[in-house]
Amino acid sequence: NYGRSPKFNIQHSKRFPVGEIDVRLFVEKGYLTGLRIFGDFFGQEPIENLENILIGVKYEKEEISNKLNGVKIEEYFGNVSTSQFIALLFSIDA
């Protein structure tokens, strides 16, 4: 597999004070080709909007962080920061 980037699926979930957030990532050739977010949180904005923002972005912390620059994550989840959301996407404790 040297030099190749096979497709893969990832699932991460974490309980925050606002509720549980469960993300399902579909990655192909290093890019997010699908993203679904589930949970029992209450946001103001439709979660599908956030999912669509990230489709097509390279699955790297810096690329996702750049794409979310200016996006108000709190409007989707409540009291969850952008850095906490990004940490969840990569299953990093934050």
C-alpha atoms as a PDB file:
ATOM      1  CA  ASN A   1       0.000   0.000   0.000  1.00  0.00           C
ATOM      2  CA  TYR A   2       2.976   2.337  -0.153  1.00  0.00           C
ATOM      3  CA  GLY A   3       1.934   5.531  -1.899  1.00  0.00           C
ATOM      4  CA  ARG A   4      -1.748   4.594  -1.801  1.00  0.00           C
ATOM      5  CA  SER A   5      -4.491   5.949   0.390  1.00  0.00           C
ATOM      6  CA  PRO A   6      -7.318   3.418   0.627  1.00  0.00           C
ATOM      7  CA  LYS A   7     -10.819   4.463   1.615  1.00  0.00           C
ATOM      8  CA  PHE A   8     -11.841   3.957   5.211  1.00  0.00           C
ATOM      9  CA  ASN A   9     -14.607   4.753   7.656  1.00  0.00           C
ATOM     10  CA  ILE A  10     -14.172   6.204  11.126  1.00  0.00           C
ATOM     11  CA  GLN A  11     -16.596   6.571  14.016  1.00  0.00           C
ATOM     12  CA  HIS A  12     -15.904   8.639  17.124  1.00  0.00           C
ATOM     13  CA  SER A  13     -18.250   9.702  19.881  1.00  0.00           C
ATOM     14  CA  LYS A  14     -17.916  11.688  23.058  1.00  0.00           C
ATOM     15  CA  ARG A  15     -20.234  12.934  25.767  1.00  0.00           C
ATOM     16  CA  PHE A  16     -20.022  16.676  26.374  1.00  0.00           C
ATOM     17  CA  PRO A  17     -22.038  18.691  28.916  1.00  0.00           C
ATOM     18  CA  VAL A  18     -24.405  19.595  26.025  1.00  0.00           C
ATOM     19  CA  GLY A  19     -24.958  15.917  25.104  1.00  0.00           C
ATOM     20  CA  GLU A  20     -23.328  13.147  23.128  1.00  0.00           C
ATOM     21  CA  ILE A  21     -21.832  13.857  19.714  1.00  0.00           C
ATOM     22  CA  ASP A  22     -21.272  10.885  17.400  1.00  0.00           C
ATOM     23  CA  VAL A  23     -19.407  11.498  14.125  1.00  0.00           C
ATOM     24  CA  ARG A  24     -19.095   9.069  11.233  1.00  0.00           C
ATOM     25  CA  LEU A  25     -16.443   9.950   8.694  1.00  0.00           C
ATOM     26  CA  PHE A  26     -16.022   8.438   5.258  1.00  0.00           C
ATOM     27  CA  VAL A  27     -12.560   9.056   3.852  1.00  0.00           C
ATOM     28  CA  GLU A  28     -11.331   8.189   0.388  1.00  0.00           C
ATOM     29  CA  LYS A  29      -7.891   9.046  -0.983  1.00  0.00           C
ATOM     30  CA  GLY A  30      -7.335  11.205   2.094  1.00  0.00           C
ATOM     31  CA  TYR A  31     -10.447  13.365   1.626  1.00  0.00           C
ATOM     32  CA  LEU A  32     -13.771  13.426   3.454  1.00  0.00           C
ATOM     33  CA  THR A  33     -16.306  12.032   1.018  1.00  0.00           C
ATOM     34  CA  GLY A  34     -19.047  11.753   3.614  1.00  0.00           C
ATOM     35  CA  LEU A  35     -19.755  12.927   7.129  1.00  0.00           C
ATOM     36  CA  ARG A  36     -22.712  12.247   9.406  1.00  0.00           C
ATOM     37  CA  ILE A  37     -23.156  13.731  12.849  1.00  0.00           C
ATOM     38  CA  PHE A  38     -25.599  12.273  15.363  1.00  0.00           C
ATOM     39  CA  GLY A  39     -26.320  12.982  19.000  1.00  0.00           C
ATOM     40  CA  ASP A  40     -28.646  14.291  21.657  1.00  0.00           C
ATOM     41  CA  PHE A  41     -27.395  17.887  21.601  1.00  0.00           C
ATOM     42  CA  PHE A  42     -29.576  20.884  20.744  1.00  0.00           C
ATOM     43  CA  GLY A  43     -28.132  23.298  18.211  1.00  0.00           C
ATOM     44  CA  GLN A  44     -29.622  26.340  16.547  1.00  0.00           C
ATOM     45  CA  GLU A  45     -28.407  25.514  13.036  1.00  0.00           C
ATOM     46  CA  PRO A  46     -29.172  22.371  10.990  1.00  0.00           C
ATOM     47  CA  ILE A  47     -26.309  19.896  11.468  1.00  0.00           C
ATOM     48  CA  GLU A  48     -26.459  19.052   7.742  1.00  0.00           C
ATOM     49  CA  ASN A  49     -24.992  22.489   7.010  1.00  0.00           C
ATOM     50  CA  LEU A  50     -21.883  21.664   9.037  1.00  0.00           C
ATOM     51  CA  GLU A  51     -21.610  18.229   7.426  1.00  0.00           C
ATOM     52  CA  ASN A  52     -21.704  19.816   3.969  1.00  0.00           C
ATOM     53  CA  ILE A  53     -19.011  22.358   4.860  1.00  0.00           C
ATOM     54  CA  LEU A  54     -16.537  19.552   5.517  1.00  0.00           C
ATOM     55  CA  ILE A  55     -17.256  17.320   2.499  1.00  0.00           C
ATOM     56  CA  GLY A  56     -14.305  17.373   0.123  1.00  0.00           C
ATOM     57  CA  VAL A  57     -11.814  18.611   2.732  1.00  0.00           C
ATOM     58  CA  LYS A  58      -8.573  16.714   3.227  1.00  0.00           C
ATOM     59  CA  TYR A  59      -8.733  14.604   6.412  1.00  0.00           C
ATOM     60  CA  GLU A  60      -5.931  16.441   8.175  1.00  0.00           C
ATOM     61  CA  LYS A  61      -6.276  18.489  11.335  1.00  0.00           C
ATOM     62  CA  GLU A  62      -4.846  21.665   9.795  1.00  0.00           C
ATOM     63  CA  GLU A  63      -7.039  21.472   6.673  1.00  0.00           C
ATOM     64  CA  ILE A  64     -10.218  20.926   8.700  1.00  0.00           C
ATOM     65  CA  SER A  65      -9.242  23.695  11.103  1.00  0.00           C
ATOM     66  CA  ASN A  66      -8.752  26.080   8.171  1.00  0.00           C
ATOM     67  CA  LYS A  67     -12.122  25.123   6.692  1.00  0.00           C
ATOM     68  CA  LEU A  68     -13.869  25.730  10.026  1.00  0.00           C
ATOM     69  CA  ASN A  69     -12.218  29.130  10.481  1.00  0.00           C
ATOM     70  CA  GLY A  70     -15.100  31.557  10.900  1.00  0.00           C
ATOM     71  CA  VAL A  71     -17.710  28.818  11.417  1.00  0.00           C
ATOM     72  CA  LYS A  72     -19.546  29.211  14.725  1.00  0.00           C
ATOM     73  CA  ILE A  73     -19.488  25.620  15.986  1.00  0.00           C
ATOM     74  CA  GLU A  74     -21.485  26.679  19.055  1.00  0.00           C
ATOM     75  CA  GLU A  75     -24.489  27.305  16.795  1.00  0.00           C
ATOM     76  CA  TYR A  76     -24.526  23.611  15.863  1.00  0.00           C
ATOM     77  CA  PHE A  77     -23.847  22.004  19.253  1.00  0.00           C
ATOM     78  CA  GLY A  78     -24.179  24.568  22.007  1.00  0.00           C
ATOM     79  CA  ASN A  79     -21.236  24.933  24.378  1.00  0.00           C
ATOM     80  CA  VAL A  80     -18.661  22.967  22.330  1.00  0.00           C
ATOM     81  CA  SER A  81     -15.628  24.767  20.956  1.00  0.00           C
ATOM     82  CA  THR A  82     -14.142  24.359  17.503  1.00  0.00           C
ATOM     83  CA  SER A  83     -11.014  22.794  19.005  1.00  0.00           C
ATOM     84  CA  GLN A  84     -13.133  20.266  20.943  1.00  0.00           C
ATOM     85  CA  PHE A  85     -15.019  19.346  17.764  1.00  0.00           C
ATOM     86  CA  ILE A  86     -11.806  18.938  15.765  1.00  0.00           C
ATOM     87  CA  ALA A  87     -10.326  16.811  18.559  1.00  0.00           C
ATOM     88  CA  LEU A  88     -13.405  14.582  18.332  1.00  0.00           C
ATOM     89  CA  LEU A  89     -12.951  14.152  14.568  1.00  0.00           C
ATOM     90  CA  PHE A  90      -9.461  12.802  15.241  1.00  0.00           C
ATOM     91  CA  SER A  91     -10.297  11.087  18.580  1.00  0.00           C
ATOM     92  CA  ILE A  92      -7.907  13.324  20.493  1.00  0.00           C
ATOM     93  CA  ASP A  93      -8.783  14.241  24.071  1.00  0.00           C
ATOM     94  CA  ALA A  94      -9.405  17.967  24.385  1.00  0.00           C
END
